[in-house]
Amino acid sequence: MRPRASAFATLLLISIVTAGCGGGNGQQSSTPPSPPLPGAVPAALFSLTVHNNNNWPSVPFAGIRLWSTGTYWQNLNPAPGVYDFSTFDQFLNAARGHNVDVLYTFGEVPAWASSNPNLVCGTSGAPLGSCAPPNDLNSDGTGSNQHWKDFVTAVVTHAAGQVRYWEVWNEPTVPGYWVGTNQQMLRLARDAYSIIKANDPNALVTTPAPSTGINGVANWMGPYLALGGGQYADIITFHGYNWSTQPGVYPQPEAIVPLVNNLKAVLVTNAQDKKPLWCTEGGWGDTTGNGFTDPDLHAAYLARHYLLQESEGVNRYYWFAWDNGFDSLGLPDGLWVPTTGITPAGVAYQQMQNWMVGASPSGQCSSNGNIWTCTYTRANGYQAEAIWDTSKSCSNGVCSTSPQPAASTYLHYRDLAGNTTAISGSTVPLGAKPIWLENQ
């Protein structure tokens, strides 16, 4: 539920820098990981939104989500029967050239097709009227819905074989993106599903992706699925944000656990729990609004969010976003910024991808008071443990830690800055930023 991002300047060079609490002089391990075991974390877990195709990520990622990319319905279809796929094609070409798959998200009704073209769409920054349903779609879901069907047909025909995944709508829970009824959203999904499958049988369709916190996601998805929304989706999608309402109190990534659990309960009730579960947008939210400005806490949040979502059964997580630029205070708000390159959170993303992909979880992450632990295995006896302490924090480049006993099987630990440190004295320094203990 982030505001629309502005475009960033094109750069010819992406600088790679690393940062973390207190730096560190540990050495990178050159030992390649063991081959994956069954149930291993897939590379597809790590996916991204990228606002500008000239800011292509320097980190590994499996899929790109086209949202806040100048590819909304109102961009691609600015007038009846008129289509402009130039920006869309730039992203498709970039994705193909970098061997990543594409998720296209539908949203933002063109003014000419809107049922209320002068409506102010909340605080999202979206154009007037773009959050209103099409003007040929009645509140009960009846009507020709021809504007929508024409657009879906055009974009799917144009991109057949290039877009693997189609997301029916962005955040129907947020007035800035949707003020219609569930019946209207169901009709959009039904018509889109039929058109997409007819034009590209190999494509997969997702549900609309609700947002707005621990209860809001499930509270929207339940009634939508009860109407029959599950018939028109191969994948269940949601957005995973946690908004702090207390000044200076940063959002806790562990709130993603009850959010996902509430959603999964709704999926069971509606017999949709066998479908893949994706978080197609998430992060720490608005930096300034959350009072959440410390780069090390950004890195900690990202790492914990990926660990916990995978633990709860989320198959893909599209971080929002690679190139968010700066917040209103002039602080980095993404994984990469034009002036300095990759941020501490971007480095943390690299480390999490290195740690997790190909490793098999031994079970769900668990907590003992403030301390959370996630354990993993690989072939050839490899064992690892991610561990952190939610009571610790970071400020001005310094992160508080306390000694935590480490099992004797572990020989060293890795940190989010990319350092590897031998374990000495049977304890490790535990803080807000997860560390990764290994036995080999």
Protein backbone atom coordinates (compact mmCIF):
# COMPACT_ATOMS: atom_id res chain seq x y z
CA MET A 1 0.00 0.00 0.00
CA ARG A 2 2.70 2.41 -1.07
CA PRO A 3 2.14 5.71 -2.90
CA ARG A 4 2.93 5.73 -6.60
CA ALA A 5 6.68 6.11 -7.08
CA SER A 6 8.19 8.76 -9.31
CA ALA A 7 10.58 7.80 -12.11
CA PHE A 8 14.27 7.90 -11.34
CA ALA A 9 17.13 9.13 -13.47
CA THR A 10 18.80 6.63 -15.77
CA LEU A 11 22.26 5.61 -14.65
CA LEU A 12 24.88 3.73 -16.60
CA LEU A 13 26.61 2.34 -13.54
CA ILE A 14 25.26 0.67 -10.43
CA SER A 15 27.64 1.02 -7.49
CA ILE A 16 27.86 -1.85 -5.08
CA VAL A 17 28.58 -0.95 -1.49
CA THR A 18 28.10 -2.88 1.69
CA ALA A 19 27.09 -1.58 5.08
CA GLY A 20 26.15 -2.94 8.49
CA CYS A 21 26.37 -2.38 12.18
CA GLY A 22 29.99 -1.75 13.04
CA GLY A 23 31.31 -2.92 9.65
CA GLY A 24 33.45 -6.03 10.21
CA ASN A 25 36.49 -7.61 8.66
CA GLY A 26 35.23 -11.16 8.33
CA GLN A 27 36.07 -13.10 5.19
CA GLN A 28 33.59 -14.31 2.61
CA SER A 29 33.38 -18.09 2.35
CA SER A 30 34.38 -19.49 -1.04
CA THR A 31 32.84 -22.91 -0.39
CA PRO A 32 29.90 -23.51 -2.76
CA PRO A 33 26.61 -24.62 -1.16
CA SER A 34 25.62 -28.27 -1.22
CA PRO A 35 22.94 -29.35 -3.70
CA PRO A 36 19.34 -28.74 -2.54
CA LEU A 37 17.25 -31.33 -0.74
CA PRO A 38 13.53 -31.87 -1.34
CA GLY A 39 11.45 -29.00 -0.01
CA ALA A 40 14.26 -26.52 -0.47
CA VAL A 41 13.60 -22.78 -0.60
CA PRO A 42 13.08 -21.89 -4.28
CA ALA A 43 14.90 -19.06 -6.03
CA ALA A 44 11.45 -17.72 -7.00
CA LEU A 45 10.88 -16.62 -3.39
CA PHE A 46 13.11 -13.65 -4.15
CA SER A 47 11.27 -11.39 -6.58
CA LEU A 48 11.08 -7.61 -6.96
CA THR A 49 9.21 -4.56 -8.13
CA VAL A 50 11.48 -2.35 -10.23
CA HIS A 51 10.08 1.08 -11.11
CA ASN A 52 12.43 1.92 -13.97
CA ASN A 53 13.78 -0.69 -16.38
CA ASN A 54 17.01 1.34 -16.65
CA ASN A 55 17.62 0.71 -12.92
CA TRP A 56 17.93 -3.03 -13.41
CA PRO A 57 18.81 -4.82 -10.14
CA SER A 58 22.32 -6.07 -9.54
CA VAL A 59 21.02 -8.67 -7.04
CA PRO A 60 19.63 -12.10 -7.97
CA PHE A 61 15.84 -12.21 -8.40
CA ALA A 62 13.45 -14.53 -10.19
CA GLY A 63 10.50 -12.37 -11.18
CA ILE A 64 9.52 -8.75 -11.72
CA ARG A 65 6.11 -7.29 -10.87
CA LEU A 66 4.84 -4.56 -13.15
CA TRP A 67 3.21 -2.04 -10.84
CA SER A 68 4.23 1.58 -10.34
CA THR A 69 6.01 1.15 -13.67
CA GLY A 70 3.96 3.33 -16.01
CA THR A 71 2.07 0.25 -17.23
CA TYR A 72 -1.34 0.80 -15.61
CA TRP A 73 -4.54 0.31 -17.62
CA GLN A 74 -4.82 4.08 -18.04
CA ASN A 75 -1.24 4.20 -19.45
CA LEU A 76 -1.62 1.35 -21.91
CA ASN A 77 -5.16 2.23 -23.08
CA PRO A 78 -5.39 6.06 -22.97
CA ALA A 79 -8.46 6.28 -25.25
CA PRO A 80 -11.08 3.86 -26.55
CA GLY A 81 -9.41 1.46 -28.98
CA VAL A 82 -6.03 3.21 -28.57
CA TYR A 83 -3.10 1.29 -27.07
CA ASP A 84 0.44 2.32 -26.20
CA PHE A 85 2.62 -0.65 -25.26
CA SER A 86 5.98 1.13 -25.56
CA THR A 87 6.84 1.22 -21.84
CA PHE A 88 5.30 -2.20 -21.32
CA ASP A 89 7.51 -3.62 -24.07
CA GLN A 90 10.63 -2.06 -22.57
CA PHE A 91 10.01 -4.00 -19.36
CA LEU A 92 9.18 -7.20 -21.25
CA ASN A 93 12.38 -6.90 -23.26
CA ALA A 94 14.46 -6.22 -20.16
CA ALA A 95 12.91 -9.18 -18.33
CA ARG A 96 13.55 -11.49 -21.25
CA GLY A 97 17.13 -10.27 -21.57
CA HIS A 98 17.78 -10.91 -17.88
CA ASN A 99 15.88 -14.22 -17.76
CA VAL A 100 13.30 -13.23 -15.16
CA ASP A 101 9.58 -13.92 -15.41
CA VAL A 102 6.88 -11.23 -15.38
CA LEU A 103 3.83 -10.63 -13.19
CA TYR A 104 1.54 -7.96 -14.67
CA THR A 105 -0.86 -6.32 -12.22
CA PHE A 106 -4.09 -4.78 -13.50
CA GLY A 107 -5.29 -1.49 -12.06
CA GLU A 108 -6.14 2.18 -12.60
CA VAL A 109 -9.18 2.61 -14.82
CA PRO A 110 -8.70 5.18 -17.61
CA ALA A 111 -10.73 8.39 -17.18
CA TRP A 112 -12.64 7.69 -20.39
CA ALA A 113 -13.83 4.34 -19.00
CA SER A 114 -14.39 5.42 -15.37
CA SER A 115 -17.82 5.55 -13.77
CA ASN A 116 -16.68 8.57 -11.74
CA PRO A 117 -13.89 10.31 -13.69
CA ASN A 118 -13.63 13.25 -11.25
CA LEU A 119 -13.31 11.14 -8.10
CA VAL A 120 -10.27 11.84 -5.91
CA CYS A 121 -8.69 8.44 -5.28
CA GLY A 122 -7.65 8.70 -1.65
CA THR A 123 -4.03 9.61 -1.00
CA SER A 124 -2.52 7.13 -3.44
CA GLY A 125 -1.60 9.79 -5.98
CA ALA A 126 -3.52 7.87 -8.64
CA PRO A 127 -5.31 9.89 -11.36
CA LEU A 128 -8.83 11.16 -10.79
CA GLY A 129 -11.42 8.45 -11.33
CA SER A 130 -8.93 5.61 -11.71
CA CYS A 131 -10.14 3.89 -8.53
CA ALA A 132 -13.77 3.81 -9.71
CA PRO A 133 -15.22 0.80 -11.55
CA PRO A 134 -15.67 0.93 -15.33
CA ASN A 135 -18.81 2.76 -16.44
CA ASP A 136 -20.26 -0.30 -18.18
CA LEU A 137 -20.14 -2.49 -15.06
CA ASN A 138 -23.03 -2.34 -12.60
CA SER A 139 -22.59 -2.57 -8.83
CA ASP A 140 -24.06 -6.09 -8.79
CA GLY A 141 -21.52 -7.27 -11.38
CA THR A 142 -23.89 -7.17 -14.34
CA GLY A 143 -23.35 -5.09 -17.46
CA SER A 144 -21.35 -5.55 -20.62
CA ASN A 145 -17.96 -4.86 -18.98
CA GLN A 146 -16.74 -4.35 -22.53
CA HIS A 147 -14.10 -1.72 -21.75
CA TRP A 148 -12.34 -4.18 -19.46
CA LYS A 149 -12.75 -7.14 -21.78
CA ASP A 150 -11.34 -5.18 -24.70
CA PHE A 151 -8.31 -4.07 -22.70
CA VAL A 152 -7.57 -7.51 -21.24
CA THR A 153 -7.86 -9.05 -24.69
CA ALA A 154 -5.50 -6.47 -26.18
CA VAL A 155 -2.80 -6.66 -23.52
CA VAL A 156 -2.88 -10.45 -23.21
CA THR A 157 -2.77 -10.92 -26.97
CA HIS A 158 0.13 -8.49 -27.19
CA ALA A 159 2.11 -10.17 -24.42
CA ALA A 160 1.08 -13.82 -24.78
CA GLY A 161 4.04 -16.03 -23.95
CA GLN A 162 5.93 -13.09 -22.42
CA VAL A 163 3.86 -12.55 -19.27
CA ARG A 164 3.65 -15.71 -17.22
CA TYR A 165 1.45 -14.35 -14.40
CA TRP A 166 -1.50 -11.95 -14.39
CA GLU A 167 -2.73 -10.30 -11.18
CA VAL A 168 -6.34 -9.20 -11.46
CA TRP A 169 -6.17 -6.02 -9.33
CA ASN A 170 -3.94 -4.07 -6.98
CA GLU A 171 -5.20 -3.58 -3.41
CA PRO A 172 -9.01 -3.63 -3.68
CA THR A 173 -9.00 -2.90 0.07
CA VAL A 174 -7.51 0.57 -0.47
CA PRO A 175 -9.79 3.43 -1.66
CA GLY A 176 -6.92 4.90 -3.62
CA TYR A 177 -7.09 1.90 -5.95
CA TRP A 178 -10.67 0.60 -5.75
CA VAL A 179 -14.04 1.89 -4.55
CA GLY A 180 -16.23 -0.67 -6.31
CA THR A 181 -18.06 -3.69 -4.92
CA ASN A 182 -16.84 -7.24 -4.48
CA GLN A 183 -19.38 -8.28 -7.12
CA GLN A 184 -17.75 -5.92 -9.61
CA MET A 185 -14.28 -7.20 -8.71
CA LEU A 186 -15.50 -10.78 -9.15
CA ARG A 187 -16.78 -9.90 -12.61
CA LEU A 188 -13.43 -8.37 -13.54
CA ALA A 189 -11.71 -11.55 -12.36
CA ARG A 190 -14.13 -13.86 -14.17
CA ASP A 191 -13.82 -12.05 -17.49
CA ALA A 192 -10.05 -11.70 -17.21
CA TYR A 193 -9.60 -15.37 -16.33
CA SER A 194 -11.61 -16.49 -19.34
CA ILE A 195 -9.77 -14.18 -21.75
CA ILE A 196 -6.30 -14.96 -20.42
CA LYS A 197 -6.78 -18.72 -20.52
CA ALA A 198 -8.25 -18.57 -24.03
CA ASN A 199 -5.34 -16.54 -25.38
CA ASP A 200 -2.49 -18.10 -23.38
CA PRO A 201 -3.39 -21.46 -21.78
CA ASN A 202 0.00 -21.64 -20.02
CA ALA A 203 -0.48 -18.34 -18.20
CA LEU A 204 -1.52 -18.32 -14.54
CA VAL A 205 -3.98 -15.88 -12.96
CA THR A 206 -3.90 -14.61 -9.38
CA THR A 207 -6.57 -13.23 -7.12
CA PRO A 208 -6.76 -9.50 -6.52
CA ALA A 209 -4.18 -8.65 -3.85
CA PRO A 210 -5.68 -7.15 -0.66
CA SER A 211 -3.60 -5.09 1.73
CA THR A 212 -4.09 -3.10 4.98
CA GLY A 213 -2.61 -5.14 7.77
CA ILE A 214 -3.05 -8.13 10.05
CA ASN A 215 -6.84 -8.43 9.78
CA GLY A 216 -7.61 -6.44 6.62
CA VAL A 217 -6.20 -9.00 4.21
CA ALA A 218 -8.30 -11.89 5.53
CA ASN A 219 -11.37 -9.70 6.07
CA TRP A 220 -11.45 -8.84 2.37
CA MET A 221 -10.41 -12.21 0.99
CA GLY A 222 -13.04 -14.18 2.91
CA PRO A 223 -16.14 -12.50 1.41
CA TYR A 224 -14.52 -12.39 -2.03
CA LEU A 225 -13.83 -16.12 -2.01
CA ALA A 226 -17.31 -16.79 -0.61
CA LEU A 227 -18.69 -15.16 -3.78
CA GLY A 228 -16.72 -17.66 -5.84
CA GLY A 229 -13.52 -15.72 -6.47
CA GLY A 230 -11.39 -18.83 -6.09
CA GLN A 231 -12.78 -20.23 -9.35
CA TYR A 232 -10.94 -17.54 -11.27
CA ALA A 233 -7.49 -17.79 -9.72
CA ASP A 234 -4.60 -20.23 -9.88
CA ILE A 235 -2.64 -18.36 -7.19
CA ILE A 236 -3.69 -16.52 -4.01
CA THR A 237 -2.02 -13.13 -3.61
CA PHE A 238 -1.87 -10.52 -0.85
CA HIS A 239 0.26 -7.58 0.27
CA GLY A 240 2.30 -7.80 3.45
CA TYR A 241 2.71 -4.44 5.16
CA ASN A 242 2.73 -3.55 8.84
CA TRP A 243 2.04 0.05 9.71
CA SER A 244 3.23 1.50 13.01
CA THR A 245 0.94 4.18 14.46
CA GLN A 246 3.32 5.29 17.22
CA PRO A 247 5.86 8.02 16.38
CA GLY A 248 9.38 6.68 16.60
CA VAL A 249 8.22 3.07 16.99
CA TYR A 250 9.24 1.03 13.97
CA PRO A 251 6.98 -1.71 12.60
CA GLN A 252 7.78 -5.26 13.66
CA PRO A 253 8.20 -7.71 10.78
CA GLU A 254 6.94 -10.52 13.01
CA ALA A 255 3.42 -9.11 12.50
CA ILE A 256 3.48 -10.88 9.12
CA VAL A 257 2.94 -14.20 10.95
CA PRO A 258 -0.61 -13.50 12.23
CA LEU A 259 -1.44 -11.74 8.96
CA VAL A 260 -0.60 -14.84 6.93
CA ASN A 261 -2.18 -17.19 9.46
CA ASN A 262 -5.45 -15.25 9.37
CA LEU A 263 -5.41 -15.41 5.59
CA LYS A 264 -4.64 -19.14 5.57
CA ALA A 265 -7.62 -19.80 7.88
CA VAL A 266 -9.88 -18.05 5.36
CA LEU A 267 -8.38 -20.12 2.54
CA VAL A 268 -9.14 -23.34 4.43
CA THR A 269 -12.74 -22.24 5.06
CA ASN A 270 -13.20 -21.58 1.34
CA ALA A 271 -11.32 -24.70 0.12
CA GLN A 272 -8.59 -22.61 -1.51
CA ASP A 273 -5.69 -23.66 0.72
CA LYS A 274 -4.06 -25.95 -1.87
CA LYS A 275 -3.18 -23.08 -4.18
CA PRO A 276 0.20 -21.30 -4.09
CA LEU A 277 0.33 -18.30 -1.75
CA TRP A 278 2.25 -15.22 -2.91
CA CYS A 279 3.00 -11.88 -1.32
CA THR A 280 3.16 -9.66 -4.40
CA GLU A 281 4.04 -6.48 -2.54
CA GLY A 282 5.48 -5.76 0.86
CA GLY A 283 8.14 -4.05 2.87
CA TRP A 284 8.48 -1.69 5.79
CA GLY A 285 5.94 0.72 4.33
CA ASP A 286 6.32 4.46 4.20
CA THR A 287 9.60 5.33 5.91
CA THR A 288 8.59 8.71 7.26
CA GLY A 289 5.05 7.74 8.23
CA ASN A 290 6.30 4.79 10.24
CA GLY A 291 9.07 6.70 11.97
CA PHE A 292 11.30 4.02 10.53
CA THR A 293 14.44 5.64 9.19
CA ASP A 294 17.43 3.58 10.34
CA PRO A 295 19.21 1.72 7.48
CA ASP A 296 20.24 -1.16 9.73
CA LEU A 297 16.65 -1.63 10.89
CA HIS A 298 15.61 -1.65 7.24
CA ALA A 299 18.05 -4.51 6.66
CA ALA A 300 16.79 -6.34 9.76
CA TYR A 301 13.18 -5.92 8.68
CA LEU A 302 13.81 -7.30 5.20
CA ALA A 303 15.70 -10.33 6.46
CA ARG A 304 13.11 -11.23 9.07
CA HIS A 305 10.25 -10.64 6.62
CA TYR A 306 11.71 -13.09 4.09
CA LEU A 307 12.49 -15.71 6.72
CA LEU A 308 9.03 -15.54 8.27
CA GLN A 309 7.01 -15.44 5.07
CA GLU A 310 8.80 -18.48 3.70
CA SER A 311 8.24 -20.19 7.04
CA GLU A 312 4.49 -19.52 6.79
CA GLY A 313 4.23 -21.05 3.33
CA VAL A 314 4.56 -18.00 1.09
CA ASN A 315 6.12 -19.22 -2.17
CA ARG A 316 7.02 -15.83 -3.66
CA TYR A 317 7.65 -12.43 -2.15
CA TYR A 318 7.99 -9.39 -4.42
CA TRP A 319 9.81 -6.75 -2.38
CA PHE A 320 8.56 -3.21 -2.95
CA ALA A 321 10.80 -1.94 -4.30
CA TRP A 322 14.34 -2.14 -5.68
CA ASP A 323 14.55 1.53 -6.67
CA ASN A 324 12.28 3.46 -4.30
CA GLY A 325 14.81 6.29 -4.09
CA PHE A 326 14.61 8.59 -1.05
CA ASP A 327 11.89 9.40 1.46
CA SER A 328 10.76 12.91 2.42
CA LEU A 329 13.64 13.17 4.89
CA GLY A 330 16.18 12.44 2.17
CA LEU A 331 16.94 8.94 3.49
CA PRO A 332 17.18 5.80 1.30
CA ASP A 333 13.80 4.08 1.02
CA GLY A 334 14.64 1.11 -1.21
CA LEU A 335 17.29 -1.48 -1.92
CA TRP A 336 19.19 0.80 -4.29
CA VAL A 337 19.38 4.55 -4.80
CA PRO A 338 20.87 6.49 -7.72
CA THR A 339 23.58 8.38 -5.85
CA THR A 340 25.19 5.69 -3.70
CA GLY A 341 24.00 2.39 -5.18
CA ILE A 342 22.90 -0.56 -3.10
CA THR A 343 21.67 0.13 0.44
CA PRO A 344 22.20 -1.96 3.59
CA ALA A 345 18.76 -3.48 2.94
CA GLY A 346 19.87 -4.34 -0.59
CA VAL A 347 22.96 -6.05 0.75
CA ALA A 348 20.74 -7.92 3.22
CA TYR A 349 18.57 -9.05 0.31
CA GLN A 350 21.68 -10.52 -1.36
CA GLN A 351 22.66 -12.35 1.82
CA MET A 352 19.19 -13.78 2.40
CA GLN A 353 19.11 -15.08 -1.16
CA ASN A 354 22.52 -16.69 -0.65
CA TRP A 355 21.57 -18.19 2.70
CA MET A 356 18.09 -19.49 1.95
CA VAL A 357 17.82 -20.61 -1.67
CA GLY A 358 18.43 -24.36 -1.89
CA ALA A 359 18.30 -24.83 1.88
CA SER A 360 15.47 -26.99 3.28
CA PRO A 361 13.60 -25.69 6.35
CA SER A 362 13.54 -28.17 9.21
CA GLY A 363 10.17 -26.78 10.29
CA GLN A 364 8.57 -23.42 10.89
CA CYS A 365 10.46 -20.59 12.52
CA SER A 366 9.79 -20.47 16.25
CA SER A 367 10.13 -17.97 19.07
CA ASN A 368 11.25 -18.27 22.67
CA GLY A 369 10.45 -14.92 24.22
CA ASN A 370 12.22 -12.29 22.13
CA ILE A 371 14.44 -14.77 20.31
CA TRP A 372 13.38 -16.23 16.98
CA THR A 373 15.03 -19.22 15.33
CA CYS A 374 14.71 -20.84 11.89
CA THR A 375 16.68 -24.01 11.07
CA TYR A 376 17.74 -25.46 7.71
CA THR A 377 19.60 -28.36 6.17
CA ARG A 378 21.32 -29.15 2.89
CA ALA A 379 22.86 -32.31 1.51
CA ASN A 380 26.04 -33.78 2.97
CA GLY A 381 25.13 -33.02 6.57
CA TYR A 382 24.94 -29.24 6.25
CA GLN A 383 23.01 -27.51 9.05
CA ALA A 384 22.22 -23.84 9.54
CA GLU A 385 20.24 -21.65 11.88
CA ALA A 386 18.95 -18.09 11.41
CA ILE A 387 18.47 -16.34 14.73
CA TRP A 388 17.61 -12.83 15.97
CA ASP A 389 16.35 -10.93 19.01
CA THR A 390 13.28 -8.68 18.59
CA SER A 391 14.10 -6.72 21.76
CA LYS A 392 17.27 -5.26 20.22
CA SER A 393 17.54 -2.23 17.99
CA CYS A 394 19.94 -0.12 15.91
CA SER A 395 20.70 3.59 15.81
CA ASN A 396 23.29 5.71 14.01
CA GLY A 397 25.27 2.71 12.75
CA VAL A 398 25.35 0.85 16.07
CA CYS A 399 23.23 -2.22 16.80
CA SER A 400 22.76 -3.50 20.35
CA THR A 401 23.46 -7.20 20.91
CA SER A 402 23.73 -9.67 23.76
CA PRO A 403 25.64 -12.97 23.93
CA GLN A 404 23.55 -15.98 22.95
CA PRO A 405 24.72 -19.58 23.46
CA ALA A 406 25.36 -21.39 20.18
CA ALA A 407 25.17 -25.14 19.74
CA SER A 408 28.63 -26.71 19.52
CA THR A 409 27.80 -28.08 16.06
CA TYR A 410 28.07 -24.58 14.58
CA LEU A 411 31.52 -23.35 13.56
CA HIS A 412 30.87 -19.83 12.27
CA TYR A 413 28.12 -17.32 11.51
CA ARG A 414 27.35 -14.97 8.64
CA ASP A 415 25.87 -11.50 8.98
CA LEU A 416 23.72 -9.30 6.76
CA ALA A 417 26.72 -7.29 5.59
CA GLY A 418 28.28 -10.41 4.06
CA ASN A 419 30.91 -11.14 6.71
CA THR A 420 31.72 -14.60 8.08
CA THR A 421 33.00 -14.87 11.67
CA ALA A 422 34.29 -17.92 13.53
CA ILE A 423 32.35 -18.74 16.70
CA SER A 424 34.57 -18.31 19.73
CA GLY A 425 33.61 -19.05 23.33
CA SER A 426 30.37 -20.87 22.43
CA THR A 427 28.29 -17.67 22.13
CA VAL A 428 27.29 -15.36 19.30
CA PRO A 429 26.25 -11.67 19.45
CA LEU A 430 22.51 -11.58 18.91
CA GLY A 431 20.61 -8.49 17.81
CA ALA A 432 17.80 -7.20 15.62
CA LYS A 433 19.60 -8.27 12.45
CA PRO A 434 19.47 -12.05 11.88
CA ILE A 435 22.71 -13.98 11.73
CA TRP A 436 23.18 -17.34 10.00
CA LEU A 437 25.01 -20.06 11.94
CA GLU A 438 26.58 -22.91 9.95
CA ASN A 439 28.20 -26.23 10.83
CA GLN A 440 30.47 -26.31 7.77
